[in-house]
Amino acid sequence: MGVQQAPRQGELRRMSESTAPGKDVGLGKKTGGSGGRLMSHDETDKWTLRLQHAVAGFVDEPRESVEEADEVLQEVAARFADAITQRRRTLRTSWQTTGDDKADTEQLRLVLRDYRELSERLLRL
């Protein structure tokens, strides 16, 4: 039972990598897999600055610093959940078909790869 250390700033950025909002997250020939950003650099930078501010203010206002860190974690977790839900919706749309349309084997292979990559990334967090 070791104590898990908080990730460093560079690790936070890598953990949040997937597709930026507004970027094509569809699958098939246009995609590069699920290795893009889940949150934009602006979002991660904003939370990083807020955490740094909380840490810097700890000596003068310890309770307020901890409350700010708690709020940041709550916001980050909610945003991750939203981003993962959106990614899953995009993945499902890419292979679930209606009517006579059938997803071809290559498209299904690419979708399976993207599911695997995203799931493995989440398991490494």
Protein backbone atom coordinates (compact mmCIF):
# COMPACT_ATOMS: atom_id res chain seq x y z
CA MET A 1 0.00 0.00 0.00
CA GLY A 2 2.08 2.88 -1.27
CA VAL A 3 0.97 6.46 -1.46
CA GLN A 4 0.33 7.51 -5.03
CA GLN A 5 1.99 10.79 -5.90
CA ALA A 6 0.13 13.51 -7.76
CA PRO A 7 1.07 13.69 -11.44
CA ARG A 8 3.50 16.38 -12.53
CA GLN A 9 2.40 19.12 -14.94
CA GLY A 10 3.74 17.30 -18.04
CA GLU A 11 2.00 14.11 -16.95
CA LEU A 12 -1.30 15.96 -16.51
CA ARG A 13 -1.00 17.22 -20.07
CA ARG A 14 -0.23 13.73 -21.43
CA MET A 15 -3.07 12.19 -19.40
CA SER A 16 -5.53 14.63 -20.93
CA GLU A 17 -4.40 14.04 -24.50
CA SER A 18 -7.02 13.03 -27.01
CA THR A 19 -9.04 15.19 -29.40
CA ALA A 20 -9.50 18.92 -28.97
CA PRO A 21 -13.08 20.23 -29.15
CA GLY A 22 -14.16 20.96 -32.70
CA LYS A 23 -11.62 18.61 -34.27
CA ASP A 24 -12.83 15.67 -36.35
CA VAL A 25 -13.07 12.69 -34.03
CA GLY A 26 -14.71 10.39 -36.54
CA LEU A 27 -13.17 7.08 -37.43
CA GLY A 28 -12.14 5.43 -40.63
CA LYS A 29 -9.60 6.80 -43.05
CA LYS A 30 -9.43 10.31 -41.53
CA THR A 31 -8.61 9.21 -38.02
CA GLY A 32 -5.29 8.61 -36.41
CA GLY A 33 -6.85 6.52 -33.66
CA SER A 34 -7.91 7.59 -30.20
CA GLY A 35 -4.53 9.03 -29.27
CA GLY A 36 -5.58 12.69 -29.68
CA ARG A 37 -6.59 15.04 -26.88
CA LEU A 38 -9.66 14.67 -24.71
CA MET A 39 -9.30 18.27 -23.51
CA SER A 40 -7.81 21.34 -25.10
CA HIS A 41 -4.50 22.84 -24.04
CA ASP A 42 -6.41 25.92 -22.85
CA GLU A 43 -8.52 23.82 -20.49
CA THR A 44 -5.58 21.93 -19.04
CA ASP A 45 -3.53 25.12 -18.71
CA LYS A 46 -6.41 26.81 -16.85
CA TRP A 47 -6.64 24.00 -14.31
CA THR A 48 -2.87 23.78 -13.95
CA LEU A 49 -2.71 27.50 -13.13
CA ARG A 50 -5.52 27.17 -10.60
CA LEU A 51 -3.72 24.29 -8.89
CA GLN A 52 -0.47 26.24 -8.83
CA HIS A 53 -2.34 29.20 -7.31
CA ALA A 54 -3.85 26.92 -4.64
CA VAL A 55 -0.44 25.48 -3.75
CA ALA A 56 1.19 28.92 -3.69
CA GLY A 57 -1.50 30.26 -1.33
CA PHE A 58 -1.35 27.36 1.10
CA VAL A 59 0.89 29.06 3.67
CA ASP A 60 -1.40 32.08 3.99
CA GLU A 61 -4.76 30.34 3.51
CA PRO A 62 -4.47 26.55 3.86
CA ARG A 63 -8.20 25.78 3.97
CA GLU A 64 -8.97 27.96 0.96
CA SER A 65 -6.11 26.32 -0.95
CA VAL A 66 -7.43 22.85 -0.28
CA GLU A 67 -10.97 23.93 -1.19
CA GLU A 68 -9.68 25.32 -4.50
CA ALA A 69 -7.78 22.11 -5.23
CA ASP A 70 -10.95 20.12 -4.48
CA GLU A 71 -12.96 22.28 -6.92
CA VAL A 72 -10.34 21.85 -9.63
CA LEU A 73 -10.35 18.07 -9.22
CA GLN A 74 -14.15 18.01 -9.36
CA GLU A 75 -14.16 20.08 -12.59
CA VAL A 76 -11.41 18.01 -14.22
CA ALA A 77 -13.15 14.73 -13.36
CA ALA A 78 -16.48 15.99 -14.73
CA ARG A 79 -14.82 17.23 -17.93
CA PHE A 80 -13.02 13.90 -18.40
CA ALA A 81 -16.31 12.05 -17.97
CA ASP A 82 -17.99 14.30 -20.55
CA ALA A 83 -15.11 13.91 -23.00
CA ILE A 84 -15.08 10.13 -22.67
CA THR A 85 -18.85 9.99 -23.14
CA GLN A 86 -18.53 12.06 -26.31
CA ARG A 87 -15.69 9.87 -27.60
CA ARG A 88 -17.72 6.72 -26.94
CA ARG A 89 -20.72 8.26 -28.73
CA THR A 90 -18.50 9.01 -31.73
CA LEU A 91 -17.10 5.48 -31.73
CA ARG A 92 -20.56 3.92 -31.50
CA THR A 93 -21.89 6.09 -34.31
CA SER A 94 -19.04 5.00 -36.55
CA TRP A 95 -20.02 1.32 -36.48
CA GLN A 96 -23.69 1.18 -35.58
CA THR A 97 -25.62 1.27 -38.81
CA THR A 98 -29.25 1.44 -39.76
CA GLY A 99 -31.16 -0.06 -42.65
CA ASP A 100 -29.17 -1.78 -45.40
CA ASP A 101 -25.86 -0.09 -44.55
CA LYS A 102 -23.32 -2.46 -43.13
CA ALA A 103 -19.98 -1.48 -41.61
CA ASP A 104 -17.23 -3.25 -43.53
CA THR A 105 -14.64 -5.38 -41.77
CA GLU A 106 -11.86 -2.80 -42.18
CA GLN A 107 -13.99 -0.07 -40.60
CA LEU A 108 -14.85 -2.41 -37.73
CA ARG A 109 -11.16 -3.26 -37.28
CA LEU A 110 -10.30 0.44 -37.04
CA VAL A 111 -13.09 1.05 -34.55
CA LEU A 112 -11.99 -1.90 -32.42
CA ARG A 113 -8.44 -0.52 -32.45
CA ASP A 114 -9.73 2.86 -31.27
CA TYR A 115 -11.80 1.28 -28.49
CA ARG A 116 -8.75 -0.68 -27.36
CA GLU A 117 -6.42 2.35 -27.45
CA LEU A 118 -8.81 4.56 -25.50
CA SER A 119 -9.54 1.84 -22.92
CA GLU A 120 -5.83 1.13 -22.44
CA ARG A 121 -5.11 4.83 -21.96
CA LEU A 122 -7.81 5.08 -19.31
CA LEU A 123 -6.49 1.98 -17.54
CA ARG A 124 -3.03 3.60 -17.31
CA LEU A 125 -4.36 6.68 -15.47
